């Protein structure tokens, strides 16, 4: 009987500790998201040249942290549209992958760090 109680207690403790460490890892991931590290490259690769005045673009500029963070809600809305929908972005290109869209969502959810 004592062996069973000890085994159940150890199993419960192991489960609890493994759950706690997973929570810490996901919290660190959320804090680590930043414009410079995670978002800038996506915006440059998918929004240029149209949204970069220095590259001849004449649309709403998305060439800085300030402009991207200001327009993140509209960016997310438009990149999640279907390519046949009015307002879909990136215009005349393939829809962004779900993993790329998730990076932008995660950046917004983590506080849009520069």
Protein backbone atom coordinates (compact mmCIF):
# COMPACT_ATOMS: atom_id res chain seq x y z
CA UNK A 1 0.00 0.00 0.00
CA UNK A 2 2.78 2.43 0.91
CA UNK A 3 4.58 1.66 -2.35
CA UNK A 4 1.44 2.54 -4.32
CA UNK A 5 1.02 5.86 -2.51
CA UNK A 6 4.68 6.75 -3.05
CA UNK A 7 4.45 5.80 -6.74
CA UNK A 8 1.30 7.92 -7.27
CA UNK A 9 2.87 10.86 -5.45
CA UNK A 10 6.04 10.67 -7.54
CA UNK A 11 4.05 10.37 -10.76
CA UNK A 12 1.97 13.39 -9.82
CA UNK A 13 5.06 15.39 -8.91
CA UNK A 14 6.74 14.45 -12.20
CA UNK A 15 3.68 15.50 -14.18
CA UNK A 16 3.41 18.81 -12.30
CA UNK A 17 7.07 19.69 -12.78
CA UNK A 18 7.04 18.82 -16.48
CA UNK A 19 3.97 20.99 -16.98
CA UNK A 20 5.62 23.93 -15.20
CA UNK A 21 8.75 23.79 -17.34
CA UNK A 22 6.64 23.79 -20.54
CA UNK A 23 4.87 26.92 -19.33
CA UNK A 24 8.15 28.70 -18.75
CA UNK A 25 9.37 27.82 -22.25
CA UNK A 26 6.25 29.22 -23.91
CA UNK A 27 6.46 32.38 -21.79
CA UNK A 28 10.08 32.92 -22.86
CA UNK A 29 9.07 32.43 -26.50
CA UNK A 30 6.40 35.13 -26.22
CA UNK A 31 8.84 37.62 -24.68
CA UNK A 32 11.51 36.90 -27.27
CA UNK A 33 9.35 38.08 -30.21
CA UNK A 34 10.55 41.40 -31.62
CA UNK A 35 10.18 43.51 -34.74
CA UNK A 36 13.89 43.42 -35.57
CA UNK A 37 14.28 39.69 -35.01
CA UNK A 38 11.00 38.23 -36.25
CA UNK A 39 8.86 40.72 -38.18
CA UNK A 40 11.07 43.08 -40.19
CA UNK A 41 12.27 40.38 -42.58
CA UNK A 42 8.70 39.18 -43.25
CA UNK A 43 7.52 42.72 -44.02
CA UNK A 44 10.50 43.46 -46.27
CA UNK A 45 10.10 40.18 -48.18
CA UNK A 46 6.36 40.43 -48.71
CA UNK A 47 5.43 44.13 -48.71
CA UNK A 48 8.21 45.58 -50.87
CA UNK A 49 8.37 47.43 -53.14
CA UNK A 50 4.77 48.69 -52.89
CA UNK A 51 4.94 49.74 -49.21
CA UNK A 52 8.56 50.96 -49.23
CA UNK A 53 8.98 54.53 -50.52
CA UNK A 54 12.75 54.03 -50.85
CA UNK A 55 12.06 51.24 -53.36
CA UNK A 56 9.57 53.28 -55.38
CA UNK A 57 6.43 52.27 -53.50
CA UNK A 58 3.55 54.69 -53.20
CA UNK A 59 1.24 52.74 -50.86
CA UNK A 60 0.95 53.19 -47.08
CA UNK A 61 4.59 52.99 -45.88
CA UNK A 62 5.46 49.89 -43.85
CA UNK A 63 9.18 50.54 -43.76
CA UNK A 64 9.62 51.10 -40.02
CA UNK A 65 8.69 49.65 -36.66
CA UNK A 66 6.39 52.60 -35.97
CA UNK A 67 4.39 52.20 -39.16
CA UNK A 68 4.08 48.41 -38.91
CA UNK A 69 3.01 48.51 -35.25
CA UNK A 70 0.50 51.26 -36.05
CA UNK A 71 -1.08 49.20 -38.85
CA UNK A 72 -0.71 45.66 -37.46
CA UNK A 73 -4.45 45.08 -37.13
CA UNK A 74 -5.06 45.98 -40.77
CA UNK A 75 -2.03 43.99 -41.90
CA UNK A 76 -3.28 40.89 -40.07
CA UNK A 77 -6.80 41.32 -41.41
CA UNK A 78 -5.64 41.69 -45.00
CA UNK A 79 -3.09 38.86 -45.09
CA UNK A 80 -5.72 36.47 -43.73
CA UNK A 81 -8.20 37.21 -46.52
CA UNK A 82 -8.57 34.83 -49.44
CA UNK A 83 -6.65 35.89 -52.57
CA UNK A 84 -9.96 36.49 -54.37
CA UNK A 85 -11.23 38.90 -51.67
CA UNK A 86 -11.04 42.65 -52.10
CA UNK A 87 -8.16 44.05 -50.04
CA UNK A 88 -6.12 40.83 -49.96
CA UNK A 89 -2.40 41.32 -49.39
CA UNK A 90 0.22 40.79 -50.62
CA UNK A 91 -1.36 41.96 -53.85
CA UNK A 92 -0.67 39.77 -56.90
CA UNK A 93 1.28 37.28 -54.82
CA UNK A 94 0.55 33.98 -53.10
CA UNK A 95 -1.08 34.00 -49.69
CA UNK A 96 1.42 33.96 -46.82
CA UNK A 97 1.89 30.63 -45.06
CA UNK A 98 0.03 30.03 -41.82
CA UNK A 99 3.36 29.86 -39.97
CA UNK A 100 4.31 33.31 -41.27
CA UNK A 101 0.92 34.73 -40.27
CA UNK A 102 1.35 33.14 -36.82
CA UNK A 103 4.66 34.97 -36.35
CA UNK A 104 2.89 38.29 -36.88
CA UNK A 105 0.03 37.29 -34.57
CA UNK A 106 2.48 36.15 -31.88
CA UNK A 107 4.43 39.40 -32.17
CA UNK A 108 1.23 41.40 -31.64
CA UNK A 109 0.15 39.18 -28.74
CA UNK A 110 3.54 39.47 -27.04
CA UNK A 111 3.39 43.26 -26.96
CA UNK A 112 4.99 44.26 -30.28
CA UNK A 113 8.51 44.72 -28.94
CA UNK A 114 10.90 46.63 -31.16
